[in-house]
Amino acid sequence: MAKFNFETKQTHHLIAWLTVDGKRVVRTRRSNTQGDLPAYRSIRQQLHLTDKQLTEAIKCTLSRDAYLEILRSKGIM
């Protein structure tokens, strides 16, 4: 999340959002409990990524510019 410059807020969940040009374009929420598979799928969908793209993001091989291009191509921003 830091690589893409998401802002975060810790409540009973971790809430993160991406703001581009003053507009909030993506928002995600992760529970603080341990649950790998449901959380992975949910976060992937909230970030508008494919499995491969999320794997690249986790490995830090997906740049912020590439992520923003993905969002543009999907009409998110």
N, C-alpha and C. Protein backbone atom coordinates (compact mmCIF):
# COMPACT_ATOMS: atom_id res chain seq x y z
N MET A 1 0.81 -1.20 0.00
CA MET A 1 0.00 0.00 0.00
C MET A 1 0.86 1.26 0.00
N ALA A 2 1.95 1.22 0.71
CA ALA A 2 2.80 2.40 0.79
C ALA A 2 3.37 2.77 -0.58
N LYS A 3 3.71 1.75 -1.37
CA LYS A 3 4.29 2.00 -2.69
C LYS A 3 3.33 2.76 -3.60
N PHE A 4 2.05 2.50 -3.46
CA PHE A 4 1.04 3.17 -4.27
C PHE A 4 0.55 4.46 -3.62
N ASN A 5 1.10 4.82 -2.47
CA ASN A 5 0.75 6.03 -1.72
C ASN A 5 -0.69 6.01 -1.21
N PHE A 6 -1.14 4.86 -0.73
CA PHE A 6 -2.44 4.77 -0.08
C PHE A 6 -2.34 5.45 1.28
N GLU A 7 -3.37 6.14 1.65
CA GLU A 7 -3.48 6.65 3.02
C GLU A 7 -4.17 5.57 3.83
N THR A 8 -3.85 5.48 5.12
CA THR A 8 -4.44 4.42 5.94
C THR A 8 -4.96 4.98 7.25
N LYS A 9 -5.91 4.25 7.79
CA LYS A 9 -6.47 4.57 9.10
C LYS A 9 -6.73 3.25 9.81
N GLN A 10 -6.25 3.14 11.04
CA GLN A 10 -6.44 1.93 11.82
C GLN A 10 -7.64 2.11 12.75
N THR A 11 -8.65 1.30 12.55
CA THR A 11 -9.80 1.23 13.45
C THR A 11 -9.87 -0.22 13.89
N HIS A 12 -11.04 -0.79 14.04
CA HIS A 12 -11.12 -2.22 14.26
C HIS A 12 -10.81 -2.97 12.96
N HIS A 13 -10.66 -2.21 11.86
CA HIS A 13 -10.19 -2.71 10.57
C HIS A 13 -9.08 -1.78 10.10
N LEU A 14 -8.27 -2.25 9.18
CA LEU A 14 -7.33 -1.37 8.52
C LEU A 14 -8.02 -0.85 7.26
N ILE A 15 -8.19 0.44 7.17
CA ILE A 15 -8.86 1.06 6.04
C ILE A 15 -7.80 1.83 5.25
N ALA A 16 -7.79 1.62 3.94
CA ALA A 16 -6.82 2.29 3.08
C ALA A 16 -7.54 2.86 1.87
N TRP A 17 -7.07 4.00 1.41
CA TRP A 17 -7.68 4.61 0.24
C TRP A 17 -6.61 5.31 -0.59
N LEU A 18 -6.87 5.39 -1.87
CA LEU A 18 -5.96 6.03 -2.81
C LEU A 18 -6.64 7.27 -3.35
N THR A 19 -5.96 8.39 -3.21
CA THR A 19 -6.46 9.66 -3.71
C THR A 19 -5.58 10.11 -4.87
N VAL A 20 -6.21 10.43 -5.98
CA VAL A 20 -5.49 10.91 -7.16
C VAL A 20 -6.15 12.21 -7.59
N ASP A 21 -5.36 13.27 -7.69
CA ASP A 21 -5.85 14.59 -8.09
C ASP A 21 -7.02 15.03 -7.22
N GLY A 22 -6.91 14.78 -5.91
CA GLY A 22 -7.92 15.20 -4.96
C GLY A 22 -9.18 14.35 -4.91
N LYS A 23 -9.22 13.27 -5.69
CA LYS A 23 -10.40 12.41 -5.72
C LYS A 23 -10.04 11.02 -5.20
N ARG A 24 -10.86 10.52 -4.29
CA ARG A 24 -10.65 9.17 -3.76
C ARG A 24 -11.14 8.18 -4.81
N VAL A 25 -10.20 7.38 -5.34
CA VAL A 25 -10.55 6.49 -6.44
C VAL A 25 -10.66 5.03 -6.03
N VAL A 26 -9.96 4.62 -4.98
CA VAL A 26 -10.01 3.23 -4.52
C VAL A 26 -10.03 3.23 -3.00
N ARG A 27 -10.84 2.35 -2.44
CA ARG A 27 -10.91 2.19 -0.99
C ARG A 27 -10.91 0.70 -0.69
N THR A 28 -10.15 0.30 0.33
CA THR A 28 -10.12 -1.09 0.73
C THR A 28 -10.15 -1.19 2.25
N ARG A 29 -10.62 -2.32 2.71
CA ARG A 29 -10.73 -2.54 4.14
C ARG A 29 -10.29 -3.97 4.44
N ARG A 30 -9.46 -4.11 5.46
CA ARG A 30 -9.00 -5.43 5.84
C ARG A 30 -9.26 -5.64 7.33
N SER A 31 -9.83 -6.77 7.66
CA SER A 31 -10.08 -7.11 9.04
C SER A 31 -8.76 -7.36 9.75
N ASN A 32 -8.72 -7.13 11.03
CA ASN A 32 -7.52 -7.40 11.81
C ASN A 32 -7.39 -8.86 12.20
N THR A 33 -8.40 -9.66 11.93
CA THR A 33 -8.32 -11.09 12.24
C THR A 33 -7.55 -11.81 11.15
N GLN A 34 -7.05 -12.98 11.46
CA GLN A 34 -6.31 -13.77 10.49
C GLN A 34 -7.28 -14.55 9.63
N GLY A 35 -7.19 -14.40 8.34
CA GLY A 35 -8.03 -15.12 7.39
C GLY A 35 -7.47 -14.90 6.01
N ASP A 36 -6.62 -15.76 5.54
CA ASP A 36 -5.86 -15.52 4.33
C ASP A 36 -6.70 -15.47 3.07
N LEU A 37 -7.41 -16.54 2.76
CA LEU A 37 -8.07 -16.63 1.47
C LEU A 37 -9.20 -15.62 1.27
N PRO A 38 -10.15 -15.51 2.17
CA PRO A 38 -11.21 -14.52 1.94
C PRO A 38 -10.67 -13.10 1.88
N ALA A 39 -9.70 -12.78 2.72
CA ALA A 39 -9.15 -11.43 2.72
C ALA A 39 -8.43 -11.15 1.41
N TYR A 40 -7.67 -12.13 0.92
CA TYR A 40 -6.93 -11.96 -0.33
C TYR A 40 -7.89 -11.67 -1.48
N ARG A 41 -8.93 -12.46 -1.60
CA ARG A 41 -9.90 -12.28 -2.68
C ARG A 41 -10.61 -10.93 -2.57
N SER A 42 -11.01 -10.58 -1.37
CA SER A 42 -11.71 -9.33 -1.15
C SER A 42 -10.83 -8.13 -1.48
N ILE A 43 -9.61 -8.16 -1.00
CA ILE A 43 -8.69 -7.05 -1.26
C ILE A 43 -8.39 -6.96 -2.75
N ARG A 44 -8.19 -8.09 -3.41
CA ARG A 44 -7.94 -8.11 -4.85
C ARG A 44 -9.08 -7.42 -5.60
N GLN A 45 -10.31 -7.75 -5.23
CA GLN A 45 -11.47 -7.15 -5.88
C GLN A 45 -11.57 -5.65 -5.56
N GLN A 46 -11.32 -5.28 -4.32
CA GLN A 46 -11.40 -3.87 -3.93
C GLN A 46 -10.35 -3.03 -4.64
N LEU A 47 -9.19 -3.63 -4.92
CA LEU A 47 -8.12 -2.92 -5.62
C LEU A 47 -8.28 -2.98 -7.14
N HIS A 48 -9.27 -3.74 -7.62
CA HIS A 48 -9.56 -3.87 -9.05
C HIS A 48 -8.39 -4.52 -9.80
N LEU A 49 -7.81 -5.57 -9.20
CA LEU A 49 -6.66 -6.27 -9.79
C LEU A 49 -7.00 -7.72 -10.08
N THR A 50 -6.29 -8.29 -11.03
CA THR A 50 -6.38 -9.73 -11.27
C THR A 50 -5.47 -10.42 -10.25
N ASP A 51 -5.55 -11.74 -10.18
CA ASP A 51 -4.66 -12.49 -9.29
C ASP A 51 -3.20 -12.19 -9.61
N LYS A 52 -2.86 -12.21 -10.89
CA LYS A 52 -1.49 -11.96 -11.30
C LYS A 52 -1.03 -10.55 -10.91
N GLN A 53 -1.88 -9.57 -11.13
CA GLN A 53 -1.54 -8.19 -10.80
C GLN A 53 -1.35 -8.00 -9.30
N LEU A 54 -2.21 -8.65 -8.49
CA LEU A 54 -2.06 -8.53 -7.05
C LEU A 54 -0.77 -9.19 -6.59
N THR A 55 -0.43 -10.32 -7.18
CA THR A 55 0.84 -10.98 -6.86
C THR A 55 2.00 -10.05 -7.17
N GLU A 56 1.94 -9.38 -8.30
CA GLU A 56 2.99 -8.41 -8.67
C GLU A 56 3.03 -7.26 -7.67
N ALA A 57 1.88 -6.79 -7.23
CA ALA A 57 1.84 -5.70 -6.25
C ALA A 57 2.47 -6.15 -4.93
N ILE A 58 2.14 -7.36 -4.50
CA ILE A 58 2.70 -7.88 -3.24
C ILE A 58 4.21 -8.05 -3.35
N LYS A 59 4.69 -8.48 -4.50
CA LYS A 59 6.13 -8.66 -4.71
C LYS A 59 6.84 -7.34 -5.01
N CYS A 60 6.10 -6.26 -5.08
CA CYS A 60 6.63 -4.92 -5.38
C CYS A 60 7.20 -4.82 -6.79
N THR A 61 6.64 -5.58 -7.72
CA THR A 61 7.06 -5.46 -9.12
C THR A 61 6.04 -4.68 -9.95
N LEU A 62 4.94 -4.28 -9.34
CA LEU A 62 3.93 -3.45 -10.00
C LEU A 62 4.12 -2.02 -9.51
N SER A 63 4.45 -1.12 -10.41
CA SER A 63 4.71 0.27 -10.03
C SER A 63 3.40 1.02 -9.82
N ARG A 64 3.50 2.17 -9.17
CA ARG A 64 2.33 3.03 -8.98
C ARG A 64 1.77 3.45 -10.33
N ASP A 65 2.65 3.84 -11.26
CA ASP A 65 2.19 4.27 -12.58
C ASP A 65 1.45 3.15 -13.30
N ALA A 66 1.97 1.92 -13.19
CA ALA A 66 1.31 0.77 -13.82
C ALA A 66 -0.04 0.52 -13.17
N TYR A 67 -0.12 0.66 -11.85
CA TYR A 67 -1.39 0.47 -11.14
C TYR A 67 -2.40 1.52 -11.58
N LEU A 68 -1.97 2.77 -11.67
CA LEU A 68 -2.89 3.83 -12.11
C LEU A 68 -3.36 3.57 -13.54
N GLU A 69 -2.50 3.04 -14.39
CA GLU A 69 -2.89 2.72 -15.76
C GLU A 69 -3.94 1.60 -15.77
N ILE A 70 -3.79 0.62 -14.88
CA ILE A 70 -4.80 -0.44 -14.75
C ILE A 70 -6.14 0.17 -14.38
N LEU A 71 -6.13 1.08 -13.42
CA LEU A 71 -7.38 1.72 -12.99
C LEU A 71 -8.00 2.54 -14.12
N ARG A 72 -7.17 3.25 -14.89
CA ARG A 72 -7.67 4.02 -16.02
C ARG A 72 -8.28 3.10 -17.07
N SER A 73 -7.61 2.00 -17.37
CA SER A 73 -8.11 1.09 -18.40
C SER A 73 -9.43 0.45 -18.02
N LYS A 74 -9.70 0.34 -16.72
CA LYS A 74 -10.96 -0.24 -16.23
C LYS A 74 -12.03 0.82 -15.97
N GLY A 75 -11.69 2.08 -16.25
CA GLY A 75 -12.66 3.16 -16.07
C GLY A 75 -12.88 3.56 -14.62
N ILE A 76 -11.98 3.18 -13.74
CA ILE A 76 -12.09 3.52 -12.32
C ILE A 76 -11.74 4.98 -12.09
N MET A 77 -10.82 5.48 -12.91
CA MET A 77 -10.44 6.90 -12.79
C MET A 77 -10.27 7.53 -14.15
